[in-house]
Amino acid sequence: MRCRAILLKASGLTSKEVGIQTEMTHISVNSWVKRFENEGIKGLETRLGRGRKPIMDCSDEEAVRLSIENDRQSVMKAK
């Protein structure tokens, strides 16, 4: 979506028009365009530390698998 927003903006559409097509706000469109202008294609990548943190890591996998096998009807217990 970020790349598409940049390309649509470069084709002459307004930020609001691009926002409608990409389901972004015009403010987000402008932010991504500015970031692209400053950092190039690397600026469109998701930076480290963004997004939801994992609730488990790989060390929990076996315990979760066993819990699900013991009680398949209650995944909430396994969680």
PDB file of N, CA and C in Angstrom:
ATOM      1  N   MET A   1       0.815  -1.185   0.000  1.00  0.00           N
ATOM      2  CA  MET A   1       0.000   0.000   0.000  1.00  0.00           C
ATOM      3  C   MET A   1       0.868   1.263   0.000  1.00  0.00           C
ATOM      4  N   ARG A   2       1.978   1.190   0.697  1.00  0.00           N
ATOM      5  CA  ARG A   2       2.844   2.361   0.788  1.00  0.00           C
ATOM      6  C   ARG A   2       3.401   2.719  -0.575  1.00  0.00           C
ATOM      7  N   CYS A   3       3.888   1.700  -1.290  1.00  0.00           N
ATOM      8  CA  CYS A   3       4.433   1.936  -2.634  1.00  0.00           C
ATOM      9  C   CYS A   3       3.344   2.436  -3.573  1.00  0.00           C
ATOM     10  N   ARG A   4       2.177   1.831  -3.472  1.00  0.00           N
ATOM     11  CA  ARG A   4       1.057   2.236  -4.322  1.00  0.00           C
ATOM     12  C   ARG A   4       0.697   3.694  -4.061  1.00  0.00           C
ATOM     13  N   ALA A   5       0.689   4.085  -2.798  1.00  0.00           N
ATOM     14  CA  ALA A   5       0.387   5.477  -2.450  1.00  0.00           C
ATOM     15  C   ALA A   5       1.400   6.425  -3.078  1.00  0.00           C
ATOM     16  N   ILE A   6       2.669   6.057  -3.046  1.00  0.00           N
ATOM     17  CA  ILE A   6       3.721   6.892  -3.638  1.00  0.00           C
ATOM     18  C   ILE A   6       3.512   7.028  -5.131  1.00  0.00           C
ATOM     19  N   LEU A   7       3.217   5.900  -5.792  1.00  0.00           N
ATOM     20  CA  LEU A   7       3.029   5.919  -7.242  1.00  0.00           C
ATOM     21  C   LEU A   7       1.789   6.724  -7.645  1.00  0.00           C
ATOM     22  N   LEU A   8       0.698   6.561  -6.903  1.00  0.00           N
ATOM     23  CA  LEU A   8      -0.516   7.315  -7.206  1.00  0.00           C
ATOM     24  C   LEU A   8      -0.297   8.816  -7.005  1.00  0.00           C
ATOM     25  N   LYS A   9       0.409   9.152  -5.952  1.00  0.00           N
ATOM     26  CA  LYS A   9       0.699  10.562  -5.677  1.00  0.00           C
ATOM     27  C   LYS A   9       1.583  11.138  -6.787  1.00  0.00           C
ATOM     28  N   ALA A  10       2.546  10.349  -7.252  1.00  0.00           N
ATOM     29  CA  ALA A  10       3.442  10.800  -8.322  1.00  0.00           C
ATOM     30  C   ALA A  10       2.704  10.958  -9.647  1.00  0.00           C
ATOM     31  N   SER A  11       1.592  10.231  -9.808  1.00  0.00           N
ATOM     32  CA  SER A  11       0.832  10.342 -11.057  1.00  0.00           C
ATOM     33  C   SER A  11      -0.055  11.587 -11.085  1.00  0.00           C
ATOM     34  N   GLY A  12      -0.077  12.333  -9.989  1.00  0.00           N
ATOM     35  CA  GLY A  12      -0.778  13.606  -9.979  1.00  0.00           C
ATOM     36  C   GLY A  12      -2.046  13.657  -9.150  1.00  0.00           C
ATOM     37  N   LEU A  13      -2.392  12.571  -8.492  1.00  0.00           N
ATOM     38  CA  LEU A  13      -3.578  12.582  -7.650  1.00  0.00           C
ATOM     39  C   LEU A  13      -3.306  13.372  -6.368  1.00  0.00           C
ATOM     40  N   THR A  14      -4.372  13.889  -5.784  1.00  0.00           N
ATOM     41  CA  THR A  14      -4.215  14.586  -4.498  1.00  0.00           C
ATOM     42  C   THR A  14      -4.059  13.549  -3.388  1.00  0.00           C
ATOM     43  N   SER A  15      -3.619  14.009  -2.249  1.00  0.00           N
ATOM     44  CA  SER A  15      -3.452  13.105  -1.108  1.00  0.00           C
ATOM     45  C   SER A  15      -4.780  12.495  -0.684  1.00  0.00           C
ATOM     46  N   LYS A  16      -5.845  13.273  -0.764  1.00  0.00           N
ATOM     47  CA  LYS A  16      -7.166  12.751  -0.397  1.00  0.00           C
ATOM     48  C   LYS A  16      -7.622  11.679  -1.379  1.00  0.00           C
ATOM     49  N   GLU A  17      -7.378  11.872  -2.675  1.00  0.00           N
ATOM     50  CA  GLU A  17      -7.742  10.872  -3.686  1.00  0.00           C
ATOM     51  C   GLU A  17      -6.946   9.584  -3.486  1.00  0.00           C
ATOM     52  N   VAL A  18      -5.661   9.740  -3.212  1.00  0.00           N
ATOM     53  CA  VAL A  18      -4.811   8.570  -2.956  1.00  0.00           C
ATOM     54  C   VAL A  18      -5.288   7.863  -1.699  1.00  0.00           C
ATOM     55  N   GLY A  19      -5.639   8.615  -0.678  1.00  0.00           N
ATOM     56  CA  GLY A  19      -6.128   8.041   0.571  1.00  0.00           C
ATOM     57  C   GLY A  19      -7.377   7.210   0.374  1.00  0.00           C
ATOM     58  N   ILE A  20      -8.278   7.676  -0.463  1.00  0.00           N
ATOM     59  CA  ILE A  20      -9.505   6.926  -0.741  1.00  0.00           C
ATOM     60  C   ILE A  20      -9.171   5.595  -1.406  1.00  0.00           C
ATOM     61  N   GLN A  21      -8.263   5.616  -2.372  1.00  0.00           N
ATOM     62  CA  GLN A  21      -7.904   4.393  -3.099  1.00  0.00           C
ATOM     63  C   GLN A  21      -7.116   3.408  -2.254  1.00  0.00           C
ATOM     64  N   THR A  22      -6.330   3.906  -1.322  1.00  0.00           N
ATOM     65  CA  THR A  22      -5.464   3.023  -0.520  1.00  0.00           C
ATOM     66  C   THR A  22      -5.989   2.794   0.893  1.00  0.00           C
ATOM     67  N   GLU A  23      -7.143   3.395   1.206  1.00  0.00           N
ATOM     68  CA  GLU A  23      -7.731   3.298   2.543  1.00  0.00           C
ATOM     69  C   GLU A  23      -6.801   3.835   3.625  1.00  0.00           C
ATOM     70  N   MET A  24      -6.131   4.929   3.300  1.00  0.00           N
ATOM     71  CA  MET A  24      -5.273   5.645   4.239  1.00  0.00           C
ATOM     72  C   MET A  24      -5.842   7.049   4.404  1.00  0.00           C
ATOM     73  N   THR A  25      -5.448   7.701   5.474  1.00  0.00           N
ATOM     74  CA  THR A  25      -5.815   9.108   5.605  1.00  0.00           C
ATOM     75  C   THR A  25      -4.872   9.929   4.722  1.00  0.00           C
ATOM     76  N   HIS A  26      -5.298  11.121   4.359  1.00  0.00           N
ATOM     77  CA  HIS A  26      -4.412  11.965   3.549  1.00  0.00           C
ATOM     78  C   HIS A  26      -3.161  12.346   4.337  1.00  0.00           C
ATOM     79  N   ILE A  27      -3.270  12.381   5.653  1.00  0.00           N
ATOM     80  CA  ILE A  27      -2.114  12.679   6.499  1.00  0.00           C
ATOM     81  C   ILE A  27      -1.087  11.547   6.403  1.00  0.00           C
ATOM     82  N   SER A  28      -1.566  10.296   6.424  1.00  0.00           N
ATOM     83  CA  SER A  28      -0.660   9.150   6.285  1.00  0.00           C
ATOM     84  C   SER A  28      -0.001   9.144   4.913  1.00  0.00           C
ATOM     85  N   VAL A  29      -0.775   9.449   3.893  1.00  0.00           N
ATOM     86  CA  VAL A  29      -0.214   9.506   2.529  1.00  0.00           C
ATOM     87  C   VAL A  29       0.925  10.514   2.493  1.00  0.00           C
ATOM     88  N   ASN A  30       0.682  11.701   3.031  1.00  0.00           N
ATOM     89  CA  ASN A  30       1.725  12.734   3.038  1.00  0.00           C
ATOM     90  C   ASN A  30       2.945  12.302   3.841  1.00  0.00           C
ATOM     91  N   SER A  31       2.721  11.592   4.943  1.00  0.00           N
ATOM     92  CA  SER A  31       3.843  11.122   5.766  1.00  0.00           C
ATOM     93  C   SER A  31       4.703  10.128   4.998  1.00  0.00           C
ATOM     94  N   TRP A  32       4.042   9.192   4.286  1.00  0.00           N
ATOM     95  CA  TRP A  32       4.799   8.191   3.526  1.00  0.00           C
ATOM     96  C   TRP A  32       5.535   8.828   2.354  1.00  0.00           C
ATOM     97  N   VAL A  33       4.921   9.803   1.718  1.00  0.00           N
ATOM     98  CA  VAL A  33       5.592  10.499   0.611  1.00  0.00           C
ATOM     99  C   VAL A  33       6.834  11.217   1.137  1.00  0.00           C
ATOM    100  N   LYS A  34       6.688  11.893   2.254  1.00  0.00           N
ATOM    101  CA  LYS A  34       7.830  12.611   2.849  1.00  0.00           C
ATOM    102  C   LYS A  34       8.937  11.633   3.229  1.00  0.00           C
ATOM    103  N   ARG A  35       8.552  10.504   3.839  1.00  0.00           N
ATOM    104  CA  ARG A  35       9.553   9.507   4.231  1.00  0.00           C
ATOM    105  C   ARG A  35      10.262   8.932   3.007  1.00  0.00           C
ATOM    106  N   PHE A  36       9.499   8.706   1.928  1.00  0.00           N
ATOM    107  CA  PHE A  36      10.091   8.199   0.692  1.00  0.00           C
ATOM    108  C   PHE A  36      11.065   9.221   0.103  1.00  0.00           C
ATOM    109  N   GLU A  37      10.682  10.477   0.112  1.00  0.00           N
ATOM    110  CA  GLU A  37      11.560  11.527  -0.416  1.00  0.00           C
ATOM    111  C   GLU A  37      12.855  11.640   0.385  1.00  0.00           C
ATOM    112  N   ASN A  38      12.773  11.459   1.698  1.00  0.00           N
ATOM    113  CA  ASN A  38      13.950  11.592   2.560  1.00  0.00           C
ATOM    114  C   ASN A  38      14.838  10.354   2.569  1.00  0.00           C
ATOM    115  N   GLU A  39      14.210   9.145   2.521  1.00  0.00           N
ATOM    116  CA  GLU A  39      14.972   7.914   2.729  1.00  0.00           C
ATOM    117  C   GLU A  39      14.973   6.957   1.541  1.00  0.00           C
ATOM    118  N   GLY A  40      14.207   7.271   0.502  1.00  0.00           N
ATOM    119  CA  GLY A  40      14.127   6.374  -0.648  1.00  0.00           C
ATOM    120  C   GLY A  40      13.276   5.152  -0.327  1.00  0.00           C
ATOM    121  N   ILE A  41      13.457   4.107  -1.104  1.00  0.00           N
ATOM    122  CA  ILE A  41      12.634   2.900  -0.961  1.00  0.00           C
ATOM    123  C   ILE A  41      12.804   2.258   0.416  1.00  0.00           C
ATOM    124  N   LYS A  42      13.967   2.409   1.027  1.00  0.00           N
ATOM    125  CA  LYS A  42      14.196   1.868   2.371  1.00  0.00           C
ATOM    126  C   LYS A  42      13.275   2.523   3.405  1.00  0.00           C
ATOM    127  N   GLY A  43      12.857   3.735   3.149  1.00  0.00           N
ATOM    128  CA  GLY A  43      11.986   4.450   4.063  1.00  0.00           C
ATOM    129  C   GLY A  43      10.585   3.871   4.135  1.00  0.00           C
ATOM    130  N   LEU A  44      10.220   3.048   3.151  1.00  0.00           N
ATOM    131  CA  LEU A  44       8.886   2.452   3.129  1.00  0.00           C
ATOM    132  C   LEU A  44       8.809   1.143   3.897  1.00  0.00           C
ATOM    133  N   GLU A  45       9.948   0.632   4.334  1.00  0.00           N
ATOM    134  CA  GLU A  45       9.963  -0.620   5.098  1.00  0.00           C
ATOM    135  C   GLU A  45       9.457  -0.374   6.520  1.00  0.00           C
ATOM    136  N   THR A  46       8.892  -1.411   7.114  1.00  0.00           N
ATOM    137  CA  THR A  46       8.448  -1.341   8.499  1.00  0.00           C
ATOM    138  C   THR A  46       9.679  -1.337   9.391  1.00  0.00           C
ATOM    139  N   ARG A  47       9.743  -0.394  10.270  1.00  0.00           N
ATOM    140  CA  ARG A  47      10.909  -0.281  11.153  1.00  0.00           C
ATOM    141  C   ARG A  47      10.802  -1.257  12.316  1.00  0.00           C
ATOM    142  N   LEU A  48      11.943  -1.595  12.881  1.00  0.00           N
ATOM    143  CA  LEU A  48      11.976  -2.494  14.027  1.00  0.00           C
ATOM    144  C   LEU A  48      11.218  -1.905  15.200  1.00  0.00           C
ATOM    145  N   GLY A  49      10.596  -2.780  15.967  1.00  0.00           N
ATOM    146  CA  GLY A  49       9.881  -2.341  17.153  1.00  0.00           C
ATOM    147  C   GLY A  49       8.450  -1.938  16.893  1.00  0.00           C
ATOM    148  N   ARG A  50       8.002  -2.047  15.657  1.00  0.00           N
ATOM    149  CA  ARG A  50       6.629  -1.680  15.318  1.00  0.00           C
ATOM    150  C   ARG A  50       5.754  -2.916  15.337  1.00  0.00           C
ATOM    151  N   GLY A  51       4.483  -2.729  15.570  1.00  0.00           N
ATOM    152  CA  GLY A  51       3.547  -3.844  15.543  1.00  0.00           C
ATOM    153  C   GLY A  51       3.376  -4.490  16.904  1.00  0.00           C
ATOM    154  N   ARG A  52       2.506  -5.459  16.931  1.00  0.00           N
ATOM    155  CA  ARG A  52       2.188  -6.151  18.182  1.00  0.00           C
ATOM    156  C   ARG A  52       3.326  -7.080  18.587  1.00  0.00           C
ATOM    157  N   LYS A  53       3.647  -7.068  19.850  1.00  0.00           N
ATOM    158  CA  LYS A  53       4.684  -7.941  20.378  1.00  0.00           C
ATOM    159  C   LYS A  53       4.136  -9.363  20.482  1.00  0.00           C
ATOM    160  N   PRO A  54       4.957 -10.391  20.248  1.00  0.00           N
ATOM    161  CA  PRO A  54       4.477 -11.767  20.343  1.00  0.00           C
ATOM    162  C   PRO A  54       4.059 -12.127  21.770  1.00  0.00           C
ATOM    163  N   ILE A  55       3.013 -12.962  21.885  1.00  0.00           N
ATOM    164  CA  ILE A  55       2.576 -13.382  23.210  1.00  0.00           C
ATOM    165  C   ILE A  55       3.301 -14.649  23.655  1.00  0.00           C
ATOM    166  N   MET A  56       3.969 -15.333  22.731  1.00  0.00           N
ATOM    167  CA  MET A  56       4.749 -16.538  23.051  1.00  0.00           C
ATOM    168  C   MET A  56       6.034 -16.501  22.237  1.00  0.00           C
ATOM    169  N   ASP A  57       6.972 -17.315  22.641  1.00  0.00           N
ATOM    170  CA  ASP A  57       8.146 -17.501  21.805  1.00  0.00           C
ATOM    171  C   ASP A  57       8.275 -18.993  21.500  1.00  0.00           C
ATOM    172  N   CYS A  58       9.295 -19.369  20.772  1.00  0.00           N
ATOM    173  CA  CYS A  58       9.463 -20.754  20.331  1.00  0.00           C
ATOM    174  C   CYS A  58       9.581 -21.735  21.493  1.00  0.00           C
ATOM    175  N   SER A  59      10.054 -21.286  22.641  1.00  0.00           N
ATOM    176  CA  SER A  59      10.218 -22.188  23.778  1.00  0.00           C
ATOM    177  C   SER A  59       8.872 -22.660  24.324  1.00  0.00           C
ATOM    178  N   ASP A  60       7.793 -21.964  24.028  1.00  0.00           N
ATOM    179  CA  ASP A  60       6.456 -22.337  24.496  1.00  0.00           C
ATOM    180  C   ASP A  60       5.755 -23.327  23.575  1.00  0.00           C
ATOM    181  N   GLU A  61       6.305 -23.582  22.417  1.00  0.00           N
ATOM    182  CA  GLU A  61       5.614 -24.369  21.397  1.00  0.00           C
ATOM    183  C   GLU A  61       5.220 -25.767  21.875  1.00  0.00           C
ATOM    184  N   GLU A  62       6.125 -26.479  22.488  1.00  0.00           N
ATOM    185  CA  GLU A  62       5.845 -27.859  22.923  1.00  0.00           C
ATOM    186  C   GLU A  62       4.752 -27.896  23.992  1.00  0.00           C
ATOM    187  N   ALA A  63       4.805 -26.977  24.953  1.00  0.00           N
ATOM    188  CA  ALA A  63       3.791 -26.929  26.005  1.00  0.00           C
ATOM    189  C   ALA A  63       2.409 -26.629  25.424  1.00  0.00           C
ATOM    190  N   VAL A  64       2.341 -25.731  24.468  1.00  0.00           N
ATOM    191  CA  VAL A  64       1.063 -25.403  23.832  1.00  0.00           C
ATOM    192  C   VAL A  64       0.544 -26.597  23.047  1.00  0.00           C
ATOM    193  N   ARG A  65       1.423 -27.249  22.307  1.00  0.00           N
ATOM    194  CA  ARG A  65       1.028 -28.419  21.523  1.00  0.00           C
ATOM    195  C   ARG A  65       0.448 -29.514  22.429  1.00  0.00           C
ATOM    196  N   LEU A  66       1.112 -29.787  23.544  1.00  0.00           N
ATOM    197  CA  LEU A  66       0.624 -30.802  24.479  1.00  0.00           C
ATOM    198  C   LEU A  66      -0.716 -30.413  25.090  1.00  0.00           C
ATOM    199  N   SER A  67      -0.863 -29.142  25.434  1.00  0.00           N
ATOM    200  CA  SER A  67      -2.109 -28.672  26.021  1.00  0.00           C
ATOM    201  C   SER A  67      -3.276 -28.819  25.045  1.00  0.00           C
ATOM    202  N   ILE A  68      -3.043 -28.515  23.792  1.00  0.00           N
ATOM    203  CA  ILE A  68      -4.090 -28.656  22.776  1.00  0.00           C
ATOM    204  C   ILE A  68      -4.418 -30.121  22.548  1.00  0.00           C
ATOM    205  N   GLU A  69      -3.407 -30.975  22.520  1.00  0.00           N
ATOM    206  CA  GLU A  69      -3.653 -32.403  22.332  1.00  0.00           C
ATOM    207  C   GLU A  69      -4.457 -32.987  23.490  1.00  0.00           C
ATOM    208  N   ASN A  70      -4.223 -32.514  24.705  1.00  0.00           N
ATOM    209  CA  ASN A  70      -4.940 -33.021  25.878  1.00  0.00           C
ATOM    210  C   ASN A  70      -6.392 -32.543  25.935  1.00  0.00           C
ATOM    211  N   ASP A  71      -6.652 -31.357  25.455  1.00  0.00           N
ATOM    212  CA  ASP A  71      -8.017 -30.815  25.508  1.00  0.00           C
ATOM    213  C   ASP A  71      -8.277 -29.983  24.254  1.00  0.00           C
ATOM    214  N   ARG A  72      -8.600 -30.648  23.167  1.00  0.00           N
ATOM    215  CA  ARG A  72      -8.792 -29.987  21.880  1.00  0.00           C
ATOM    216  C   ARG A  72      -9.981 -29.016  21.858  1.00  0.00           C
ATOM    217  N   GLN A  73     -10.917 -29.178  22.757  1.00  0.00           N
ATOM    218  CA  GLN A  73     -12.111 -28.333  22.760  1.00  0.00           C
ATOM    219  C   GLN A  73     -11.879 -26.974  23.406  1.00  0.00           C
ATOM    220  N   SER A  74     -10.762 -26.820  24.111  1.00  0.00           N
ATOM    221  CA  SER A  74     -10.544 -25.567  24.816  1.00  0.00           C
ATOM    222  C   SER A  74      -9.178 -24.974  24.473  1.00  0.00           C
ATOM    223  N   VAL A  75      -9.136 -24.273  23.392  1.00  0.00           N
ATOM    224  CA  VAL A  75      -7.888 -23.622  22.976  1.00  0.00           C
ATOM    225  C   VAL A  75      -7.533 -22.500  23.949  1.00  0.00           C
ATOM    226  N   MET A  76      -8.528 -21.894  24.584  1.00  0.00           N
ATOM    227  CA  MET A  76      -8.269 -20.827  25.542  1.00  0.00           C
ATOM    228  C   MET A  76      -7.406 -21.332  26.715  1.00  0.00           C
ATOM    229  N   LYS A  77      -7.624 -22.589  27.135  1.00  0.00           N
ATOM    230  CA  LYS A  77      -6.781 -23.152  28.188  1.00  0.00           C
ATOM    231  C   LYS A  77      -5.335 -23.241  27.726  1.00  0.00           C
ATOM    232  N   ALA A  78      -5.155 -23.631  26.474  1.00  0.00           N
ATOM    233  CA  ALA A  78      -3.794 -23.751  25.934  1.00  0.00           C
ATOM    234  C   ALA A  78      -3.112 -22.382  25.890  1.00  0.00           C
ATOM    235  N   LYS A  79      -3.885 -21.370  25.566  1.00  0.00           N
ATOM    236  CA  LYS A  79      -3.308 -20.025  25.506  1.00  0.00           C
ATOM    237  C   LYS A  79      -2.865 -19.594  26.879  1.00  0.00           C
TER     238      LYS A  79
END
